[in-house]
């Protein structure tokens, strides 16, 4: 499988838009692209880790390389999870926005069906 690493992703997630501006609409494709980008980044980072680990000649250095990899992987996982969660939240809000007017005050039944 060969891909062009310099090729930009087709849809940029919400993190690029300022908070005060109207954010770009989120679609399932936007979320799928975010998952794809995260997976690609994780695989590339793991490949880099394996390359670094294969060149290590001491246990001490191997532990350092592994610790750095785990720390980066955790930080990336948290950041990407937050970004993807925000995309899901925006999609849900965007999907439910047309129904805001339908959720007026419901009549109180006081326990009656």
PDB file of N, CA and C in Angstrom:
ATOM      1  N   UNK A   1       0.846  -1.178   0.000  1.00  0.00           N
ATOM      2  CA  UNK A   1       0.000   0.000   0.000  1.00  0.00           C
ATOM      3  C   UNK A   1       0.889   1.237   0.000  1.00  0.00           C
ATOM      4  N   UNK A   2       0.753   2.063  -1.024  1.00  0.00           N
ATOM      5  CA  UNK A   2       1.527   3.296  -1.085  1.00  0.00           C
ATOM      6  C   UNK A   2       0.589   4.475  -1.153  1.00  0.00           C
ATOM      7  N   UNK A   3       0.886   5.453  -0.329  1.00  0.00           N
ATOM      8  CA  UNK A   3       0.099   6.683  -0.326  1.00  0.00           C
ATOM      9  C   UNK A   3       1.051   7.857  -0.398  1.00  0.00           C
ATOM     10  N   UNK A   4       0.555   8.948  -0.907  1.00  0.00           N
ATOM     11  CA  UNK A   4       1.369  10.157  -0.986  1.00  0.00           C
ATOM     12  C   UNK A   4       1.318  10.877   0.350  1.00  0.00           C
ATOM     13  N   UNK A   5       2.427  10.888   1.127  1.00  0.00           N
ATOM     14  CA  UNK A   5       2.391  11.515   2.447  1.00  0.00           C
ATOM     15  C   UNK A   5       2.196  13.023   2.384  1.00  0.00           C
ATOM     16  N   UNK A   6       2.518  13.639   1.243  1.00  0.00           N
ATOM     17  CA  UNK A   6       2.364  15.085   1.151  1.00  0.00           C
ATOM     18  C   UNK A   6       0.947  15.495   0.769  1.00  0.00           C
ATOM     19  N   UNK A   7       0.089  14.518   0.489  1.00  0.00           N
ATOM     20  CA  UNK A   7      -1.289  14.807   0.099  1.00  0.00           C
ATOM     21  C   UNK A   7      -2.093  15.269   1.315  1.00  0.00           C
ATOM     22  N   UNK A   8      -2.686  16.466   1.266  1.00  0.00           N
ATOM     23  CA  UNK A   8      -3.449  16.960   2.421  1.00  0.00           C
ATOM     24  C   UNK A   8      -4.777  16.225   2.541  1.00  0.00           C
ATOM     25  N   UNK A   9      -5.308  16.083   3.770  1.00  0.00           N
ATOM     26  CA  UNK A   9      -6.614  15.446   3.938  1.00  0.00           C
ATOM     27  C   UNK A   9      -7.699  16.306   3.308  1.00  0.00           C
ATOM     28  N   UNK A  10      -8.746  15.682   2.757  1.00  0.00           N
ATOM     29  CA  UNK A  10      -9.776  16.434   2.057  1.00  0.00           C
ATOM     30  C   UNK A  10     -10.612  17.349   2.950  1.00  0.00           C
ATOM     31  N   UNK A  11     -10.888  16.940   4.168  1.00  0.00           N
ATOM     32  CA  UNK A  11     -11.714  17.765   5.050  1.00  0.00           C
ATOM     33  C   UNK A  11     -10.948  18.019   6.335  1.00  0.00           C
ATOM     34  N   UNK A  12     -10.752  19.270   6.681  1.00  0.00           N
ATOM     35  CA  UNK A  12     -10.027  19.641   7.884  1.00  0.00           C
ATOM     36  C   UNK A  12     -10.991  19.639   9.066  1.00  0.00           C
ATOM     37  N   UNK A  13     -10.658  18.974  10.185  1.00  0.00           N
ATOM     38  CA  UNK A  13     -11.527  18.947  11.356  1.00  0.00           C
ATOM     39  C   UNK A  13     -11.712  20.321  11.982  1.00  0.00           C
ATOM     40  N   UNK A  14     -12.571  20.376  12.972  1.00  0.00           N
ATOM     41  CA  UNK A  14     -13.012  21.620  13.580  1.00  0.00           C
ATOM     42  C   UNK A  14     -11.900  22.407  14.251  1.00  0.00           C
ATOM     43  N   UNK A  15     -10.812  21.758  14.626  1.00  0.00           N
ATOM     44  CA  UNK A  15      -9.772  22.452  15.380  1.00  0.00           C
ATOM     45  C   UNK A  15      -9.158  23.616  14.604  1.00  0.00           C
ATOM     46  N   UNK A  16      -9.314  23.641  13.275  1.00  0.00           N
ATOM     47  CA  UNK A  16      -8.748  24.718  12.477  1.00  0.00           C
ATOM     48  C   UNK A  16      -9.626  25.965  12.484  1.00  0.00           C
ATOM     49  N   UNK A  17     -10.899  25.826  12.799  1.00  0.00           N
ATOM     50  CA  UNK A  17     -11.820  26.956  12.782  1.00  0.00           C
ATOM     51  C   UNK A  17     -11.814  27.668  14.130  1.00  0.00           C
ATOM     52  N   UNK A  18     -11.857  29.003  14.135  1.00  0.00           N
ATOM     53  CA  UNK A  18     -11.945  29.716  15.399  1.00  0.00           C
ATOM     54  C   UNK A  18     -13.272  29.435  16.095  1.00  0.00           C
ATOM     55  N   UNK A  19     -13.277  29.519  17.412  1.00  0.00           N
ATOM     56  CA  UNK A  19     -14.461  29.173  18.188  1.00  0.00           C
ATOM     57  C   UNK A  19     -15.618  30.137  17.932  1.00  0.00           C
ATOM     58  N   UNK A  20     -15.330  31.402  17.647  1.00  0.00           N
ATOM     59  CA  UNK A  20     -16.389  32.385  17.473  1.00  0.00           C
ATOM     60  C   UNK A  20     -17.009  32.318  16.077  1.00  0.00           C
ATOM     61  N   UNK A  21     -16.299  31.785  15.097  1.00  0.00           N
ATOM     62  CA  UNK A  21     -16.810  31.697  13.733  1.00  0.00           C
ATOM     63  C   UNK A  21     -17.741  30.492  13.617  1.00  0.00           C
ATOM     64  N   UNK A  22     -18.598  30.538  12.612  1.00  0.00           N
ATOM     65  CA  UNK A  22     -19.486  29.412  12.348  1.00  0.00           C
ATOM     66  C   UNK A  22     -18.646  28.240  11.861  1.00  0.00           C
ATOM     67  N   UNK A  23     -18.632  27.125  12.601  1.00  0.00           N
ATOM     68  CA  UNK A  23     -17.796  25.997  12.196  1.00  0.00           C
ATOM     69  C   UNK A  23     -18.352  25.326  10.943  1.00  0.00           C
ATOM     70  N   UNK A  24     -17.457  24.724  10.205  1.00  0.00           N
ATOM     71  CA  UNK A  24     -17.862  24.005   8.997  1.00  0.00           C
ATOM     72  C   UNK A  24     -18.749  22.833   9.392  1.00  0.00           C
ATOM     73  N   UNK A  25     -19.712  22.482   8.548  1.00  0.00           N
ATOM     74  CA  UNK A  25     -20.583  21.349   8.868  1.00  0.00           C
ATOM     75  C   UNK A  25     -19.772  20.062   9.002  1.00  0.00           C
ATOM     76  N   UNK A  26     -20.200  19.222   9.932  1.00  0.00           N
ATOM     77  CA  UNK A  26     -19.542  17.946  10.167  1.00  0.00           C
ATOM     78  C   UNK A  26     -20.390  16.860   9.529  1.00  0.00           C
ATOM     79  N   UNK A  27     -19.749  15.941   8.855  1.00  0.00           N
ATOM     80  CA  UNK A  27     -20.457  14.807   8.265  1.00  0.00           C
ATOM     81  C   UNK A  27     -19.816  13.527   8.773  1.00  0.00           C
ATOM     82  N   UNK A  28     -20.442  12.414   8.471  1.00  0.00           N
ATOM     83  CA  UNK A  28     -19.846  11.139   8.839  1.00  0.00           C
ATOM     84  C   UNK A  28     -18.498  10.962   8.146  1.00  0.00           C
ATOM     85  N   UNK A  29     -18.375  11.526   6.947  1.00  0.00           N
ATOM     86  CA  UNK A  29     -17.109  11.438   6.220  1.00  0.00           C
ATOM     87  C   UNK A  29     -16.007  12.207   6.960  1.00  0.00           C
ATOM     88  N   UNK A  30     -16.346  13.348   7.546  1.00  0.00           N
ATOM     89  CA  UNK A  30     -15.372  14.127   8.317  1.00  0.00           C
ATOM     90  C   UNK A  30     -14.865  13.302   9.492  1.00  0.00           C
ATOM     91  N   UNK A  31     -15.778  12.623  10.166  1.00  0.00           N
ATOM     92  CA  UNK A  31     -15.404  11.791  11.316  1.00  0.00           C
ATOM     93  C   UNK A  31     -14.570  10.598  10.852  1.00  0.00           C
ATOM     94  N   UNK A  32     -14.977   9.979   9.752  1.00  0.00           N
ATOM     95  CA  UNK A  32     -14.208   8.848   9.212  1.00  0.00           C
ATOM     96  C   UNK A  32     -12.798   9.292   8.829  1.00  0.00           C
ATOM     97  N   UNK A  33     -12.678  10.485   8.253  1.00  0.00           N
ATOM     98  CA  UNK A  33     -11.359  11.017   7.896  1.00  0.00           C
ATOM     99  C   UNK A  33     -10.504  11.239   9.141  1.00  0.00           C
ATOM    100  N   UNK A  34     -11.119  11.704  10.225  1.00  0.00           N
ATOM    101  CA  UNK A  34     -10.371  11.923  11.470  1.00  0.00           C
ATOM    102  C   UNK A  34      -9.859  10.593  12.021  1.00  0.00           C
ATOM    103  N   UNK A  35     -10.696   9.553  11.979  1.00  0.00           N
ATOM    104  CA  UNK A  35     -10.256   8.226  12.417  1.00  0.00           C
ATOM    105  C   UNK A  35      -9.132   7.704  11.512  1.00  0.00           C
ATOM    106  N   UNK A  36      -9.281   7.902  10.195  1.00  0.00           N
ATOM    107  CA  UNK A  36      -8.266   7.451   9.242  1.00  0.00           C
ATOM    108  C   UNK A  36      -6.928   8.139   9.513  1.00  0.00           C
ATOM    109  N   UNK A  37      -6.982   9.458   9.714  1.00  0.00           N
ATOM    110  CA  UNK A  37      -5.752  10.214   9.959  1.00  0.00           C
ATOM    111  C   UNK A  37      -5.075   9.770  11.251  1.00  0.00           C
ATOM    112  N   UNK A  38      -5.877   9.524  12.283  1.00  0.00           N
ATOM    113  CA  UNK A  38      -5.331   9.072  13.558  1.00  0.00           C
ATOM    114  C   UNK A  38      -4.693   7.693  13.407  1.00  0.00           C
ATOM    115  N   UNK A  39      -5.357   6.803  12.688  1.00  0.00           N
ATOM    116  CA  UNK A  39      -4.813   5.463  12.471  1.00  0.00           C
ATOM    117  C   UNK A  39      -3.515   5.535  11.687  1.00  0.00           C
ATOM    118  N   UNK A  40      -3.499   6.344  10.639  1.00  0.00           N
ATOM    119  CA  UNK A  40      -2.289   6.503   9.823  1.00  0.00           C
ATOM    120  C   UNK A  40      -1.137   7.046  10.677  1.00  0.00           C
ATOM    121  N   UNK A  41      -1.436   8.061  11.491  1.00  0.00           N
ATOM    122  CA  UNK A  41      -0.408   8.652  12.348  1.00  0.00           C
ATOM    123  C   UNK A  41       0.119   7.622  13.349  1.00  0.00           C
ATOM    124  N   UNK A  42      -0.773   6.829  13.921  1.00  0.00           N
ATOM    125  CA  UNK A  42      -0.358   5.820  14.898  1.00  0.00           C
ATOM    126  C   UNK A  42       0.542   4.768  14.258  1.00  0.00           C
ATOM    127  N   UNK A  43       0.189   4.332  13.056  1.00  0.00           N
ATOM    128  CA  UNK A  43       0.999   3.320  12.367  1.00  0.00           C
ATOM    129  C   UNK A  43       2.376   3.886  12.024  1.00  0.00           C
ATOM    130  N   UNK A  44       2.420   5.135  11.569  1.00  0.00           N
ATOM    131  CA  UNK A  44       3.706   5.764  11.247  1.00  0.00           C
ATOM    132  C   UNK A  44       4.573   5.907  12.496  1.00  0.00           C
ATOM    133  N   UNK A  45       3.961   6.323  13.614  1.00  0.00           N
ATOM    134  CA  UNK A  45       4.720   6.467  14.853  1.00  0.00           C
ATOM    135  C   UNK A  45       5.230   5.119  15.353  1.00  0.00           C
ATOM    136  N   UNK A  46       4.424   4.077  15.185  1.00  0.00           N
ATOM    137  CA  UNK A  46       4.863   2.746  15.612  1.00  0.00           C
ATOM    138  C   UNK A  46       6.019   2.270  14.738  1.00  0.00           C
ATOM    139  N   UNK A  47       5.944   2.525  13.436  1.00  0.00           N
ATOM    140  CA  UNK A  47       7.041   2.158  12.546  1.00  0.00           C
ATOM    141  C   UNK A  47       8.330   2.860  12.935  1.00  0.00           C
ATOM    142  N   UNK A  48       8.220   4.137  13.272  1.00  0.00           N
ATOM    143  CA  UNK A  48       9.381   4.901  13.716  1.00  0.00           C
ATOM    144  C   UNK A  48       9.943   4.318  15.017  1.00  0.00           C
ATOM    145  N   UNK A  49       9.053   3.932  15.920  1.00  0.00           N
ATOM    146  CA  UNK A  49       9.471   3.324  17.183  1.00  0.00           C
ATOM    147  C   UNK A  49      10.231   2.023  16.932  1.00  0.00           C
ATOM    148  N   UNK A  50       9.729   1.186  16.043  1.00  0.00           N
ATOM    149  CA  UNK A  50      10.394  -0.085  15.752  1.00  0.00           C
ATOM    150  C   UNK A  50      11.770   0.167  15.147  1.00  0.00           C
ATOM    151  N   UNK A  51      11.874   1.163  14.263  1.00  0.00           N
ATOM    152  CA  UNK A  51      13.178   1.504  13.678  1.00  0.00           C
ATOM    153  C   UNK A  51      14.160   1.945  14.757  1.00  0.00           C
ATOM    154  N   UNK A  52      13.694   2.817  15.656  1.00  0.00           N
ATOM    155  CA  UNK A  52      14.572   3.290  16.730  1.00  0.00           C
ATOM    156  C   UNK A  52      14.980   2.137  17.643  1.00  0.00           C
ATOM    157  N   UNK A  53      14.021   1.287  17.958  1.00  0.00           N
ATOM    158  CA  UNK A  53      14.285   0.177  18.873  1.00  0.00           C
ATOM    159  C   UNK A  53      15.252  -0.833  18.253  1.00  0.00           C
ATOM    160  N   UNK A  54      15.162  -1.016  16.944  1.00  0.00           N
ATOM    161  CA  UNK A  54      16.052  -1.996  16.299  1.00  0.00           C
ATOM    162  C   UNK A  54      17.503  -1.511  16.282  1.00  0.00           C
ATOM    163  N   UNK A  55      17.725  -0.214  16.387  1.00  0.00           N
ATOM    164  CA  UNK A  55      19.078   0.318  16.387  1.00  0.00           C
ATOM    165  C   UNK A  55      19.691   0.434  17.765  1.00  0.00           C
ATOM    166  N   UNK A  56      18.946   0.098  18.797  1.00  0.00           N
ATOM    167  CA  UNK A  56      19.414   0.237  20.177  1.00  0.00           C
ATOM    168  C   UNK A  56      20.322  -0.937  20.538  1.00  0.00           C
ATOM    169  N   UNK A  57      21.397  -0.640  21.251  1.00  0.00           N
ATOM    170  CA  UNK A  57      22.371  -1.673  21.633  1.00  0.00           C
ATOM    171  C   UNK A  57      22.429  -1.915  23.149  1.00  0.00           C
ATOM    172  N   UNK A  58      21.662  -1.163  23.930  1.00  0.00           N
ATOM    173  CA  UNK A  58      21.688  -1.377  25.380  1.00  0.00           C
ATOM    174  C   UNK A  58      20.261  -1.392  25.925  1.00  0.00           C
ATOM    175  N   UNK A  59      20.090  -2.112  27.022  1.00  0.00           N
ATOM    176  CA  UNK A  59      18.783  -2.207  27.654  1.00  0.00           C
ATOM    177  C   UNK A  59      18.318  -0.849  28.161  1.00  0.00           C
ATOM    178  N   UNK A  60      19.244  -0.062  28.677  1.00  0.00           N
ATOM    179  CA  UNK A  60      18.910   1.262  29.187  1.00  0.00           C
ATOM    180  C   UNK A  60      18.332   2.142  28.074  1.00  0.00           C
ATOM    181  N   UNK A  61      18.996   2.148  26.931  1.00  0.00           N
ATOM    182  CA  UNK A  61      18.531   2.952  25.795  1.00  0.00           C
ATOM    183  C   UNK A  61      17.189   2.423  25.279  1.00  0.00           C
ATOM    184  N   UNK A  62      17.017   1.095  25.282  1.00  0.00           N
ATOM    185  CA  UNK A  62      15.758   0.498  24.834  1.00  0.00           C
ATOM    186  C   UNK A  62      14.596   0.942  25.727  1.00  0.00           C
ATOM    187  N   UNK A  63      14.845   0.992  27.018  1.00  0.00           N
ATOM    188  CA  UNK A  63      13.805   1.433  27.956  1.00  0.00           C
ATOM    189  C   UNK A  63      13.468   2.904  27.735  1.00  0.00           C
ATOM    190  N   UNK A  64      14.488   3.718  27.433  1.00  0.00           N
ATOM    191  CA  UNK A  64      14.263   5.136  27.163  1.00  0.00           C
ATOM    192  C   UNK A  64      13.432   5.320  25.901  1.00  0.00           C
ATOM    193  N   UNK A  65      13.784   4.602  24.845  1.00  0.00           N
ATOM    194  CA  UNK A  65      13.040   4.693  23.584  1.00  0.00           C
ATOM    195  C   UNK A  65      11.597   4.251  23.792  1.00  0.00           C
ATOM    196  N   UNK A  66      11.413   3.158  24.529  1.00  0.00           N
ATOM    197  CA  UNK A  66      10.062   2.657  24.774  1.00  0.00           C
ATOM    198  C   UNK A  66       9.250   3.638  25.614  1.00  0.00           C
ATOM    199  N   UNK A  67       9.858   4.209  26.630  1.00  0.00           N
ATOM    200  CA  UNK A  67       9.158   5.172  27.488  1.00  0.00           C
ATOM    201  C   UNK A  67       8.718   6.398  26.697  1.00  0.00           C
ATOM    202  N   UNK A  68       9.610   6.898  25.842  1.00  0.00           N
ATOM    203  CA  UNK A  68       9.271   8.051  25.013  1.00  0.00           C
ATOM    204  C   UNK A  68       8.131   7.722  24.044  1.00  0.00           C
ATOM    205  N   UNK A  69       8.177   6.519  23.470  1.00  0.00           N
ATOM    206  CA  UNK A  69       7.118   6.106  22.545  1.00  0.00           C
ATOM    207  C   UNK A  69       5.777   6.022  23.266  1.00  0.00           C
ATOM    208  N   UNK A  70       5.758   5.410  24.430  1.00  0.00           N
ATOM    209  CA  UNK A  70       4.507   5.259  25.179  1.00  0.00           C
ATOM    210  C   UNK A  70       3.945   6.627  25.559  1.00  0.00           C
ATOM    211  N   UNK A  71       4.815   7.533  25.977  1.00  0.00           N
ATOM    212  CA  UNK A  71       4.367   8.875  26.348  1.00  0.00           C
ATOM    213  C   UNK A  71       3.754   9.595  25.144  1.00  0.00           C
ATOM    214  N   UNK A  72       4.439   9.546  23.989  1.00  0.00           N
ATOM    215  CA  UNK A  72       3.907  10.184  22.766  1.00  0.00           C
ATOM    216  C   UNK A  72       2.601   9.528  22.330  1.00  0.00           C
ATOM    217  N   UNK A  73       2.543   8.196  22.403  1.00  0.00           N
ATOM    218  CA  UNK A  73       1.340   7.477  21.990  1.00  0.00           C
ATOM    219  C   UNK A  73       0.152   7.856  22.871  1.00  0.00           C
ATOM    220  N   UNK A  74       0.395   7.968  24.167  1.00  0.00           N
ATOM    221  CA  UNK A  74      -0.675   8.353  25.088  1.00  0.00           C
ATOM    222  C   UNK A  74      -1.156   9.773  24.799  1.00  0.00           C
ATOM    223  N   UNK A  75      -0.216  10.706  24.652  1.00  0.00           N
ATOM    224  CA  UNK A  75      -0.585  12.097  24.383  1.00  0.00           C
ATOM    225  C   UNK A  75      -1.348  12.225  23.063  1.00  0.00           C
ATOM    226  N   UNK A  76      -0.897  11.504  22.051  1.00  0.00           N
ATOM    227  CA  UNK A  76      -1.580  11.529  20.758  1.00  0.00           C
ATOM    228  C   UNK A  76      -2.974  10.933  20.887  1.00  0.00           C
ATOM    229  N   UNK A  77      -3.083   9.836  21.609  1.00  0.00           N
ATOM    230  CA  UNK A  77      -4.374   9.178  21.794  1.00  0.00           C
ATOM    231  C   UNK A  77      -5.376  10.102  22.480  1.00  0.00           C
ATOM    232  N   UNK A  78      -4.943  10.770  23.526  1.00  0.00           N
ATOM    233  CA  UNK A  78      -5.829  11.687  24.249  1.00  0.00           C
ATOM    234  C   UNK A  78      -6.250  12.850  23.351  1.00  0.00           C
ATOM    235  N   UNK A  79      -5.299  13.445  22.662  1.00  0.00           N
ATOM    236  CA  UNK A  79      -5.610  14.593  21.810  1.00  0.00           C
ATOM    237  C   UNK A  79      -6.543  14.210  20.669  1.00  0.00           C
ATOM    238  N   UNK A  80      -6.252  13.105  20.007  1.00  0.00           N
ATOM    239  CA  UNK A  80      -7.085  12.682  18.888  1.00  0.00           C
ATOM    240  C   UNK A  80      -8.471  12.238  19.360  1.00  0.00           C
ATOM    241  N   UNK A  81      -8.543  11.588  20.504  1.00  0.00           N
ATOM    242  CA  UNK A  81      -9.840  11.179  21.054  1.00  0.00           C
ATOM    243  C   UNK A  81     -10.704  12.391  21.367  1.00  0.00           C
ATOM    244  N   UNK A  82     -10.098  13.426  21.926  1.00  0.00           N
ATOM    245  CA  UNK A  82     -10.845  14.647  22.217  1.00  0.00           C
ATOM    246  C   UNK A  82     -11.333  15.304  20.935  1.00  0.00           C
ATOM    247  N   UNK A  83     -10.487  15.322  19.923  1.00  0.00           N
ATOM    248  CA  UNK A  83     -10.866  15.927  18.648  1.00  0.00           C
ATOM    249  C   UNK A  83     -12.017  15.152  18.005  1.00  0.00           C
ATOM    250  N   UNK A  84     -11.930  13.825  18.018  1.00  0.00           N
ATOM    251  CA  UNK A  84     -12.969  12.996  17.417  1.00  0.00           C
ATOM    252  C   UNK A  84     -14.264  13.093  18.222  1.00  0.00           C
ATOM    253  N   UNK A  85     -14.147  13.148  19.533  1.00  0.00           N
ATOM    254  CA  UNK A  85     -15.336  13.313  20.385  1.00  0.00           C
ATOM    255  C   UNK A  85     -16.032  14.629  20.069  1.00  0.00           C
ATOM    256  N   UNK A  86     -15.254  15.696  19.897  1.00  0.00           N
ATOM    257  CA  UNK A  86     -15.830  16.997  19.547  1.00  0.00           C
ATOM    258  C   UNK A  86     -16.543  16.925  18.198  1.00  0.00           C
ATOM    259  N   UNK A  87     -15.977  16.211  17.241  1.00  0.00           N
ATOM    260  CA  UNK A  87     -16.634  16.045  15.936  1.00  0.00           C
ATOM    261  C   UNK A  87     -17.965  15.314  16.090  1.00  0.00           C
ATOM    262  N   UNK A  88     -17.986  14.267  16.917  1.00  0.00           N
ATOM    263  CA  UNK A  88     -19.238  13.543  17.176  1.00  0.00           C
ATOM    264  C   UNK A  88     -20.266  14.464  17.824  1.00  0.00           C
ATOM    265  N   UNK A  89     -19.829  15.264  18.798  1.00  0.00           N
ATOM    266  CA  UNK A  89     -20.744  16.196  19.466  1.00  0.00           C
ATOM    267  C   UNK A  89     -21.314  17.217  18.492  1.00  0.00           C
ATOM    268  N   UNK A  90     -20.457  17.753  17.631  1.00  0.00           N
ATOM    269  CA  UNK A  90     -20.918  18.735  16.650  1.00  0.00           C
ATOM    270  C   UNK A  90     -21.889  18.113  15.655  1.00  0.00           C
ATOM    271  N   UNK A  91     -21.620  16.867  15.242  1.00  0.00           N
ATOM    272  CA  UNK A  91     -22.529  16.189  14.317  1.00  0.00           C
ATOM    273  C   UNK A  91     -23.889  15.969  14.972  1.00  0.00           C
ATOM    274  N   UNK A  92     -23.883  15.548  16.226  1.00  0.00           N
ATOM    275  CA  UNK A  92     -25.145  15.330  16.936  1.00  0.00           C
ATOM    276  C   UNK A  92     -25.916  16.641  17.070  1.00  0.00           C
ATOM    277  N   UNK A  93     -25.225  17.707  17.452  1.00  0.00           N
ATOM    278  CA  UNK A  93     -25.882  19.008  17.606  1.00  0.00           C
ATOM    279  C   UNK A  93     -26.426  19.488  16.263  1.00  0.00           C
ATOM    280  N   UNK A  94     -25.621  19.360  15.239  1.00  0.00           N
ATOM    281  CA  UNK A  94     -26.019  19.798  13.906  1.00  0.00           C
ATOM    282  C   UNK A  94     -27.220  18.988  13.413  1.00  0.00           C
ATOM    283  N   UNK A  95     -27.272  17.716  13.742  1.00  0.00           N
ATOM    284  CA  UNK A  95     -28.389  16.858  13.327  1.00  0.00           C
ATOM    285  C   UNK A  95     -29.657  17.215  14.077  1.00  0.00           C
ATOM    286  N   UNK A  96     -29.534  17.580  15.341  1.00  0.00           N
ATOM    287  CA  UNK A  96     -30.711  17.868  16.163  1.00  0.00           C
ATOM    288  C   UNK A  96     -31.171  19.318  16.090  1.00  0.00           C
ATOM    289  N   UNK A  97     -30.348  20.223  15.571  1.00  0.00           N
ATOM    290  CA  UNK A  97     -30.712  21.639  15.484  1.00  0.00           C
ATOM    291  C   UNK A  97     -32.048  21.891  14.779  1.00  0.00           C
ATOM    292  N   UNK A  98     -32.365  21.218  13.679  1.00  0.00           N
ATOM    293  CA  UNK A  98     -33.653  21.485  13.018  1.00  0.00           C
ATOM    294  C   UNK A  98     -34.865  21.161  13.890  1.00  0.00           C
ATOM    295  N   UNK A  99     -34.682  20.348  14.912  1.00  0.00           N
ATOM    296  CA  UNK A  99     -35.788  19.945  15.761  1.00  0.00           C
ATOM    297  C   UNK A  99     -35.929  20.786  17.023  1.00  0.00           C
ATOM    298  N   UNK A 100     -35.129  21.850  17.163  1.00  0.00           N
ATOM    299  CA  UNK A 100     -35.189  22.693  18.362  1.00  0.00           C
ATOM    300  C   UNK A 100     -36.577  23.271  18.588  1.00  0.00           C
ATOM    301  N   UNK A 101     -37.236  23.723  17.536  1.00  0.00           N
ATOM    302  CA  UNK A 101     -38.544  24.342  17.660  1.00  0.00           C
ATOM    303  C   UNK A 101     -39.626  23.370  18.106  1.00  0.00           C
ATOM    304  N   UNK A 102     -39.401  22.087  17.913  1.00  0.00           N
ATOM    305  CA  UNK A 102     -40.391  21.083  18.293  1.00  0.00           C
ATOM    306  C   UNK A 102     -40.347  20.747  19.771  1.00  0.00           C
ATOM    307  N   UNK A 103     -39.320  21.173  20.458  1.00  0.00           N
ATOM    308  CA  UNK A 103     -39.177  20.815  21.863  1.00  0.00           C
ATOM    309  C   UNK A 103     -39.613  21.955  22.767  1.00  0.00           C
ATOM    310  N   UNK A 104     -40.781  22.485  22.482  1.00  0.00           N
ATOM    311  CA  UNK A 104     -41.339  23.529  23.328  1.00  0.00           C
ATOM    312  C   UNK A 104     -41.756  22.939  24.661  1.00  0.00           C
ATOM    313  N   UNK A 105     -42.447  23.719  25.443  1.00  0.00           N
ATOM    314  CA  UNK A 105     -42.875  23.234  26.749  1.00  0.00           C
ATOM    315  C   UNK A 105     -43.967  22.181  26.564  1.00  0.00           C
ATOM    316  N   UNK A 106     -43.738  21.029  27.129  1.00  0.00           N
ATOM    317  CA  UNK A 106     -44.721  19.948  27.074  1.00  0.00           C
ATOM    318  C   UNK A 106     -45.756  20.172  28.168  1.00  0.00           C
ATOM    319  N   UNK A 107     -46.991  19.835  27.924  1.00  0.00           N
ATOM    320  CA  UNK A 107     -48.019  20.000  28.959  1.00  0.00           C
ATOM    321  C   UNK A 107     -47.706  19.095  30.150  1.00  0.00           C
ATOM    322  N   UNK A 108     -47.937  19.598  31.334  1.00  0.00           N
ATOM    323  CA  UNK A 108     -47.711  18.831  32.538  1.00  0.00           C
ATOM    324  C   UNK A 108     -48.917  17.934  32.784  1.00  0.00           C
ATOM    325  N   UNK A 109     -48.640  16.643  33.013  1.00  0.00           N
ATOM    326  CA  UNK A 109     -49.748  15.690  33.190  1.00  0.00           C
ATOM    327  C   UNK A 109     -49.994  15.378  34.652  1.00  0.00           C
ATOM    328  N   UNK A 110     -49.108  15.748  35.528  1.00  0.00           N
ATOM    329  CA  UNK A 110     -49.240  15.513  36.969  1.00  0.00           C
ATOM    330  C   UNK A 110     -49.564  14.056  37.266  1.00  0.00           C
ATOM    331  N   UNK A 111     -48.813  13.152  36.630  1.00  0.00           N
ATOM    332  CA  UNK A 111     -48.959  11.727  36.919  1.00  0.00           C
ATOM    333  C   UNK A 111     -50.073  11.083  36.140  1.00  0.00           C
ATOM    334  N   UNK A 112     -50.835  11.810  35.334  1.00  0.00           N
ATOM    335  CA  UNK A 112     -51.911  11.219  34.540  1.00  0.00           C
ATOM    336  C   UNK A 112     -51.370  10.855  33.160  1.00  0.00           C
ATOM    337  N   UNK A 113     -51.817   9.742  32.588  1.00  0.00           N
ATOM    338  CA  UNK A 113     -51.327   9.333  31.271  1.00  0.00           C
ATOM    339  C   UNK A 113     -51.758  10.230  30.159  1.00  0.00           C
TER     340      UNK A 113
END
